[in-house]
């Protein structure tokens, strides 16, 4: 495998952010050395939390945070407000893009491709839409809805934050926000689309395989 892989049980956002920051700094400091560290992919589920990207607007949180049953964090990733919680697979790649021969744009599209390929194994067609990151179903229709959000930070070619893929997510939490600042678009999950509770570990394994297929160390 071209990267280290770490899967964590449900954890709060602050602890996961600290882990990301430590790995991010270690990978950054190792760049250019004779034996740089390998990149790391973290898979986890969060306790309920709303996070706001650096370009986001707090007005997109429609109710007082105390009424939501979730925590709130302002972050240094791109994008606006989103929700993380149980049943959602959050992926945090701490990746050295130079090692994979990728630029930032290609990296974001590759994250999306991983999810598009994963949901295709369940018979769903995921797509991109202009002007909004993430993976969408029924794009450019009145029923377009997001199944995966993407928000990243990149410094000197090293990434953190990542994607949030709704598998068995309680979608009612999204009612409290304007997801990603997009008022006219919906949100969905794998379970919602297929009409059944999903085997989370199985979905996780399929997504990991997609990461392995796309992220190979450049020779």
C-alpha atoms as a PDB file:
ATOM      1  CA  UNK A   1       0.000   0.000   0.000  1.00  0.00           C
ATOM      2  CA  UNK A   2       1.310   3.430  -0.953  1.00  0.00           C
ATOM      3  CA  UNK A   3       0.156   4.969   2.342  1.00  0.00           C
ATOM      4  CA  UNK A   4      -0.380   4.007   5.955  1.00  0.00           C
ATOM      5  CA  UNK A   5      -3.984   3.256   6.861  1.00  0.00           C
ATOM      6  CA  UNK A   6      -5.604   4.002  10.203  1.00  0.00           C
ATOM      7  CA  UNK A   7      -9.222   3.295  11.120  1.00  0.00           C
ATOM      8  CA  UNK A   8     -10.635   4.727  14.346  1.00  0.00           C
ATOM      9  CA  UNK A   9     -13.844   4.124  16.256  1.00  0.00           C
ATOM     10  CA  UNK A  10     -16.243   7.020  16.799  1.00  0.00           C
ATOM     11  CA  UNK A  11     -14.298   9.983  18.133  1.00  0.00           C
ATOM     12  CA  UNK A  12     -14.872  13.629  18.902  1.00  0.00           C
ATOM     13  CA  UNK A  13     -13.751  16.277  16.456  1.00  0.00           C
ATOM     14  CA  UNK A  14     -11.098  17.884  18.679  1.00  0.00           C
ATOM     15  CA  UNK A  15      -9.201  14.611  19.179  1.00  0.00           C
ATOM     16  CA  UNK A  16      -9.344  13.774  15.467  1.00  0.00           C
ATOM     17  CA  UNK A  17      -8.160  17.259  14.526  1.00  0.00           C
ATOM     18  CA  UNK A  18      -5.192  16.983  16.885  1.00  0.00           C
ATOM     19  CA  UNK A  19      -4.228  13.628  15.334  1.00  0.00           C
ATOM     20  CA  UNK A  20      -4.447  15.151  11.870  1.00  0.00           C
ATOM     21  CA  UNK A  21      -2.321  18.126  12.866  1.00  0.00           C
ATOM     22  CA  UNK A  22       0.412  15.931  14.379  1.00  0.00           C
ATOM     23  CA  UNK A  23       0.607  13.671  11.310  1.00  0.00           C
ATOM     24  CA  UNK A  24       0.406  16.676   8.971  1.00  0.00           C
ATOM     25  CA  UNK A  25       3.318  18.439  10.683  1.00  0.00           C
ATOM     26  CA  UNK A  26       5.433  15.275  10.827  1.00  0.00           C
ATOM     27  CA  UNK A  27       4.893  14.593   7.117  1.00  0.00           C
ATOM     28  CA  UNK A  28       5.602  18.229   6.241  1.00  0.00           C
ATOM     29  CA  UNK A  29       8.869  18.214   8.201  1.00  0.00           C
ATOM     30  CA  UNK A  30      10.003  14.960   6.576  1.00  0.00           C
ATOM     31  CA  UNK A  31       9.657  16.263   3.006  1.00  0.00           C
ATOM     32  CA  UNK A  32      12.991  16.462   1.223  1.00  0.00           C
ATOM     33  CA  UNK A  33      14.737  14.191   3.689  1.00  0.00           C
ATOM     34  CA  UNK A  34      16.509  11.023   2.597  1.00  0.00           C
ATOM     35  CA  UNK A  35      13.679   8.854   3.942  1.00  0.00           C
ATOM     36  CA  UNK A  36      10.472  10.923   4.022  1.00  0.00           C
ATOM     37  CA  UNK A  37       7.524   9.531   5.945  1.00  0.00           C
ATOM     38  CA  UNK A  38       4.714   7.729   4.172  1.00  0.00           C
ATOM     39  CA  UNK A  39       1.375   9.439   3.770  1.00  0.00           C
ATOM     40  CA  UNK A  40      -1.459   8.337   6.076  1.00  0.00           C
ATOM     41  CA  UNK A  41      -5.162   7.776   5.383  1.00  0.00           C
ATOM     42  CA  UNK A  42      -7.483   8.015   8.397  1.00  0.00           C
ATOM     43  CA  UNK A  43     -11.022   6.597   8.327  1.00  0.00           C
ATOM     44  CA  UNK A  44     -13.333   7.402  11.250  1.00  0.00           C
ATOM     45  CA  UNK A  45     -16.803   8.360  12.415  1.00  0.00           C
ATOM     46  CA  UNK A  46     -17.326  11.522  14.438  1.00  0.00           C
ATOM     47  CA  UNK A  47     -19.561  12.260  17.367  1.00  0.00           C
ATOM     48  CA  UNK A  48     -22.194  14.768  16.119  1.00  0.00           C
ATOM     49  CA  UNK A  49     -20.472  18.006  15.092  1.00  0.00           C
ATOM     50  CA  UNK A  50     -20.929  20.936  12.736  1.00  0.00           C
ATOM     51  CA  UNK A  51     -17.776  22.345  11.156  1.00  0.00           C
ATOM     52  CA  UNK A  52     -17.412  25.637   9.315  1.00  0.00           C
ATOM     53  CA  UNK A  53     -14.786  26.132   6.616  1.00  0.00           C
ATOM     54  CA  UNK A  54     -12.620  29.231   6.431  1.00  0.00           C
ATOM     55  CA  UNK A  55     -14.745  30.741   3.663  1.00  0.00           C
ATOM     56  CA  UNK A  56     -18.027  29.792   5.330  1.00  0.00           C
ATOM     57  CA  UNK A  57     -20.792  31.912   6.832  1.00  0.00           C
ATOM     58  CA  UNK A  58     -22.016  31.151  10.357  1.00  0.00           C
ATOM     59  CA  UNK A  59     -25.462  32.324   9.217  1.00  0.00           C
ATOM     60  CA  UNK A  60     -25.718  28.975   7.447  1.00  0.00           C
ATOM     61  CA  UNK A  61     -26.214  27.428  10.905  1.00  0.00           C
ATOM     62  CA  UNK A  62     -29.961  28.052  11.096  1.00  0.00           C
ATOM     63  CA  UNK A  63     -30.569  27.295  14.789  1.00  0.00           C
ATOM     64  CA  UNK A  64     -28.601  27.904  18.010  1.00  0.00           C
ATOM     65  CA  UNK A  65     -25.924  25.230  18.360  1.00  0.00           C
ATOM     66  CA  UNK A  66     -27.270  24.391  21.849  1.00  0.00           C
ATOM     67  CA  UNK A  67     -30.478  23.113  20.240  1.00  0.00           C
ATOM     68  CA  UNK A  68     -28.781  20.753  17.812  1.00  0.00           C
ATOM     69  CA  UNK A  69     -27.279  18.136  20.134  1.00  0.00           C
ATOM     70  CA  UNK A  70     -23.958  18.591  18.340  1.00  0.00           C
ATOM     71  CA  UNK A  71     -20.654  20.398  18.858  1.00  0.00           C
ATOM     72  CA  UNK A  72     -19.407  23.237  16.657  1.00  0.00           C
ATOM     73  CA  UNK A  73     -15.918  24.004  15.316  1.00  0.00           C
ATOM     74  CA  UNK A  74     -14.540  26.611  12.954  1.00  0.00           C
ATOM     75  CA  UNK A  75     -11.806  24.992  10.863  1.00  0.00           C
ATOM     76  CA  UNK A  76      -9.069  25.901   8.404  1.00  0.00           C
ATOM     77  CA  UNK A  77     -10.357  23.710   5.581  1.00  0.00           C
ATOM     78  CA  UNK A  78     -12.018  25.046   2.453  1.00  0.00           C
ATOM     79  CA  UNK A  79     -15.785  25.131   2.033  1.00  0.00           C
ATOM     80  CA  UNK A  80     -18.721  26.232   4.159  1.00  0.00           C
ATOM     81  CA  UNK A  81     -20.668  24.459   6.922  1.00  0.00           C
ATOM     82  CA  UNK A  82     -21.280  20.734   7.067  1.00  0.00           C
ATOM     83  CA  UNK A  83     -22.226  18.003   9.528  1.00  0.00           C
ATOM     84  CA  UNK A  84     -20.224  14.986  10.708  1.00  0.00           C
ATOM     85  CA  UNK A  85     -21.622  12.200  12.841  1.00  0.00           C
ATOM     86  CA  UNK A  86     -22.210   8.494  13.412  1.00  0.00           C
ATOM     87  CA  UNK A  87     -22.940   6.522  10.270  1.00  0.00           C
ATOM     88  CA  UNK A  88     -20.879   8.896   8.150  1.00  0.00           C
ATOM     89  CA  UNK A  89     -17.461   7.775   6.939  1.00  0.00           C
ATOM     90  CA  UNK A  90     -15.058  10.680   7.290  1.00  0.00           C
ATOM     91  CA  UNK A  91     -11.754  10.226   5.456  1.00  0.00           C
ATOM     92  CA  UNK A  92      -8.737  12.345   6.344  1.00  0.00           C
ATOM     93  CA  UNK A  93      -5.848  11.780   3.918  1.00  0.00           C
ATOM     94  CA  UNK A  94      -2.616  13.238   5.265  1.00  0.00           C
ATOM     95  CA  UNK A  95      -0.988  12.908   1.865  1.00  0.00           C
ATOM     96  CA  UNK A  96       2.159  14.257   0.238  1.00  0.00           C
ATOM     97  CA  UNK A  97       0.784  15.101  -3.209  1.00  0.00           C
ATOM     98  CA  UNK A  98       4.288  15.249  -4.687  1.00  0.00           C
ATOM     99  CA  UNK A  99       4.779  11.569  -3.848  1.00  0.00           C
ATOM    100  CA  UNK A 100       1.640  10.765  -5.849  1.00  0.00           C
ATOM    101  CA  UNK A 101       2.498  13.129  -8.701  1.00  0.00           C
ATOM    102  CA  UNK A 102      -0.678  15.163  -8.192  1.00  0.00           C
ATOM    103  CA  UNK A 103      -1.642  18.802  -8.106  1.00  0.00           C
ATOM    104  CA  UNK A 104      -4.409  20.132  -5.859  1.00  0.00           C
ATOM    105  CA  UNK A 105      -7.154  20.124  -8.485  1.00  0.00           C
ATOM    106  CA  UNK A 106      -6.381  16.568  -9.553  1.00  0.00           C
ATOM    107  CA  UNK A 107      -6.290  15.534  -5.900  1.00  0.00           C
ATOM    108  CA  UNK A 108      -9.779  16.892  -5.181  1.00  0.00           C
ATOM    109  CA  UNK A 109     -11.141  15.211  -8.305  1.00  0.00           C
ATOM    110  CA  UNK A 110      -9.460  11.951  -7.295  1.00  0.00           C
ATOM    111  CA  UNK A 111     -11.129  12.058  -3.863  1.00  0.00           C
ATOM    112  CA  UNK A 112     -14.438  12.465  -5.678  1.00  0.00           C
ATOM    113  CA  UNK A 113     -13.549   9.636  -8.067  1.00  0.00           C
ATOM    114  CA  UNK A 114     -12.925   7.299  -5.118  1.00  0.00           C
ATOM    115  CA  UNK A 115     -16.472   7.841  -3.857  1.00  0.00           C
ATOM    116  CA  UNK A 116     -17.986   7.763  -7.361  1.00  0.00           C
ATOM    117  CA  UNK A 117     -16.369   4.371  -7.952  1.00  0.00           C
ATOM    118  CA  UNK A 118     -17.361   3.105  -4.509  1.00  0.00           C
ATOM    119  CA  UNK A 119     -21.067   3.926  -4.872  1.00  0.00           C
ATOM    120  CA  UNK A 120     -21.024   2.519  -8.411  1.00  0.00           C
ATOM    121  CA  UNK A 121     -20.464  -0.913  -6.845  1.00  0.00           C
ATOM    122  CA  UNK A 122     -23.890  -0.426  -5.242  1.00  0.00           C
ATOM    123  CA  UNK A 123     -25.525   0.578  -8.523  1.00  0.00           C
ATOM    124  CA  UNK A 124     -25.526   4.350  -7.947  1.00  0.00           C
ATOM    125  CA  UNK A 125     -24.229   6.889 -10.447  1.00  0.00           C
ATOM    126  CA  UNK A 126     -22.349   9.700  -8.750  1.00  0.00           C
ATOM    127  CA  UNK A 127     -21.286  12.864 -10.553  1.00  0.00           C
ATOM    128  CA  UNK A 128     -19.653  16.242 -10.153  1.00  0.00           C
ATOM    129  CA  UNK A 129     -21.472  19.516 -10.694  1.00  0.00           C
ATOM    130  CA  UNK A 130     -20.040  22.859 -11.759  1.00  0.00           C
ATOM    131  CA  UNK A 131     -19.240  25.251  -8.968  1.00  0.00           C
ATOM    132  CA  UNK A 132     -19.581  22.797  -6.070  1.00  0.00           C
ATOM    133  CA  UNK A 133     -17.204  20.108  -4.831  1.00  0.00           C
ATOM    134  CA  UNK A 134     -18.281  16.674  -3.661  1.00  0.00           C
ATOM    135  CA  UNK A 135     -20.248  13.796  -5.169  1.00  0.00           C
ATOM    136  CA  UNK A 136     -23.803  14.328  -6.347  1.00  0.00           C
ATOM    137  CA  UNK A 137     -26.755  12.218  -7.440  1.00  0.00           C
ATOM    138  CA  UNK A 138     -29.131  13.339 -10.212  1.00  0.00           C
ATOM    139  CA  UNK A 139     -27.063  16.451 -10.994  1.00  0.00           C
ATOM    140  CA  UNK A 140     -28.666  19.405 -12.732  1.00  0.00           C
ATOM    141  CA  UNK A 141     -32.178  18.260 -11.865  1.00  0.00           C
ATOM    142  CA  UNK A 142     -34.612  19.588  -9.231  1.00  0.00           C
ATOM    143  CA  UNK A 143     -33.723  16.485  -7.181  1.00  0.00           C
ATOM    144  CA  UNK A 144     -29.927  16.835  -7.140  1.00  0.00           C
ATOM    145  CA  UNK A 145     -28.493  15.826  -3.772  1.00  0.00           C
ATOM    146  CA  UNK A 146     -25.051  15.422  -2.262  1.00  0.00           C
ATOM    147  CA  UNK A 147     -23.902  12.077  -0.886  1.00  0.00           C
ATOM    148  CA  UNK A 148     -20.318  13.129  -0.134  1.00  0.00           C
ATOM    149  CA  UNK A 149     -18.789  16.486   0.829  1.00  0.00           C
ATOM    150  CA  UNK A 150     -15.158  17.447   0.195  1.00  0.00           C
ATOM    151  CA  UNK A 151     -13.157  20.122   2.046  1.00  0.00           C
ATOM    152  CA  UNK A 152      -9.382  20.196   2.289  1.00  0.00           C
ATOM    153  CA  UNK A 153      -6.331  22.172   3.354  1.00  0.00           C
ATOM    154  CA  UNK A 154      -3.023  21.969   1.471  1.00  0.00           C
ATOM    155  CA  UNK A 155       0.311  23.402   2.599  1.00  0.00           C
ATOM    156  CA  UNK A 156       3.559  22.790   0.664  1.00  0.00           C
ATOM    157  CA  UNK A 157       1.883  19.887  -1.074  1.00  0.00           C
ATOM    158  CA  UNK A 158       0.712  18.135   2.114  1.00  0.00           C
ATOM    159  CA  UNK A 159      -3.021  17.693   2.680  1.00  0.00           C
ATOM    160  CA  UNK A 160      -5.352  17.446   5.644  1.00  0.00           C
ATOM    161  CA  UNK A 161      -9.129  17.348   6.208  1.00  0.00           C
ATOM    162  CA  UNK A 162     -10.796  15.443   3.369  1.00  0.00           C
ATOM    163  CA  UNK A 163     -14.210  13.967   2.628  1.00  0.00           C
ATOM    164  CA  UNK A 164     -17.419  13.044   4.443  1.00  0.00           C
ATOM    165  CA  UNK A 165     -19.380  10.171   2.869  1.00  0.00           C
ATOM    166  CA  UNK A 166     -22.932   9.622   4.119  1.00  0.00           C
ATOM    167  CA  UNK A 167     -23.544   5.908   4.610  1.00  0.00           C
ATOM    168  CA  UNK A 168     -25.995   5.418   7.501  1.00  0.00           C
ATOM    169  CA  UNK A 169     -25.980   9.093   8.515  1.00  0.00           C
ATOM    170  CA  UNK A 170     -28.951  10.598  10.390  1.00  0.00           C
ATOM    171  CA  UNK A 171     -29.827  13.164   7.731  1.00  0.00           C
ATOM    172  CA  UNK A 172     -32.096  15.151  10.057  1.00  0.00           C
ATOM    173  CA  UNK A 173     -28.968  16.931  11.369  1.00  0.00           C
ATOM    174  CA  UNK A 174     -28.648  18.625   7.978  1.00  0.00           C
ATOM    175  CA  UNK A 175     -32.004  20.344   8.569  1.00  0.00           C
ATOM    176  CA  UNK A 176     -30.238  22.676  11.021  1.00  0.00           C
ATOM    177  CA  UNK A 177     -27.866  24.085   8.387  1.00  0.00           C
ATOM    178  CA  UNK A 178     -27.608  25.233   4.796  1.00  0.00           C
ATOM    179  CA  UNK A 179     -25.284  22.360   3.811  1.00  0.00           C
ATOM    180  CA  UNK A 180     -22.113  23.708   2.219  1.00  0.00           C
ATOM    181  CA  UNK A 181     -23.923  27.034   1.845  1.00  0.00           C
ATOM    182  CA  UNK A 182     -26.072  25.694  -1.018  1.00  0.00           C
ATOM    183  CA  UNK A 183     -29.715  26.518  -0.300  1.00  0.00           C
ATOM    184  CA  UNK A 184     -31.300  24.834  -3.313  1.00  0.00           C
ATOM    185  CA  UNK A 185     -29.657  21.414  -3.052  1.00  0.00           C
ATOM    186  CA  UNK A 186     -30.411  18.323  -0.994  1.00  0.00           C
ATOM    187  CA  UNK A 187     -28.398  15.749   0.956  1.00  0.00           C
ATOM    188  CA  UNK A 188     -28.634  11.976   0.872  1.00  0.00           C
ATOM    189  CA  UNK A 189     -26.908   8.819   2.110  1.00  0.00           C
ATOM    190  CA  UNK A 190     -26.175   5.357   0.802  1.00  0.00           C
ATOM    191  CA  UNK A 191     -28.786   3.880   3.155  1.00  0.00           C
ATOM    192  CA  UNK A 192     -31.360   6.443   2.054  1.00  0.00           C
ATOM    193  CA  UNK A 193     -30.762   5.687  -1.621  1.00  0.00           C
ATOM    194  CA  UNK A 194     -30.797   1.908  -1.284  1.00  0.00           C
ATOM    195  CA  UNK A 195     -33.564   1.700   1.315  1.00  0.00           C
ATOM    196  CA  UNK A 196     -31.628  -0.375   3.845  1.00  0.00           C
ATOM    197  CA  UNK A 197     -29.085  -0.048   6.641  1.00  0.00           C
ATOM    198  CA  UNK A 198     -25.656  -0.568   5.150  1.00  0.00           C
ATOM    199  CA  UNK A 199     -22.817  -2.749   6.425  1.00  0.00           C
ATOM    200  CA  UNK A 200     -20.506   0.116   7.374  1.00  0.00           C
ATOM    201  CA  UNK A 201     -17.353  -2.011   7.532  1.00  0.00           C
ATOM    202  CA  UNK A 202     -18.050  -3.381   4.051  1.00  0.00           C
ATOM    203  CA  UNK A 203     -18.515   0.105   2.578  1.00  0.00           C
ATOM    204  CA  UNK A 204     -15.341   1.230   4.322  1.00  0.00           C
ATOM    205  CA  UNK A 205     -13.423  -1.661   2.751  1.00  0.00           C
ATOM    206  CA  UNK A 206     -14.741  -0.817  -0.711  1.00  0.00           C
ATOM    207  CA  UNK A 207     -13.751   2.828  -0.369  1.00  0.00           C
ATOM    208  CA  UNK A 208     -10.294   1.859   0.887  1.00  0.00           C
ATOM    209  CA  UNK A 209      -9.858  -0.301  -2.230  1.00  0.00           C
ATOM    210  CA  UNK A 210     -10.699   2.733  -4.376  1.00  0.00           C
ATOM    211  CA  UNK A 211      -8.052   4.785  -2.562  1.00  0.00           C
ATOM    212  CA  UNK A 212      -5.527   2.013  -3.171  1.00  0.00           C
ATOM    213  CA  UNK A 213      -6.414   1.970  -6.875  1.00  0.00           C
ATOM    214  CA  UNK A 214      -6.012   5.723  -7.351  1.00  0.00           C
ATOM    215  CA  UNK A 215      -3.201   6.686  -4.995  1.00  0.00           C
ATOM    216  CA  UNK A 216       0.008   5.016  -6.099  1.00  0.00           C
ATOM    217  CA  UNK A 217       3.478   6.376  -5.408  1.00  0.00           C
ATOM    218  CA  UNK A 218       5.017   8.064  -8.428  1.00  0.00           C
ATOM    219  CA  UNK A 219       8.137   6.278  -9.678  1.00  0.00           C
END
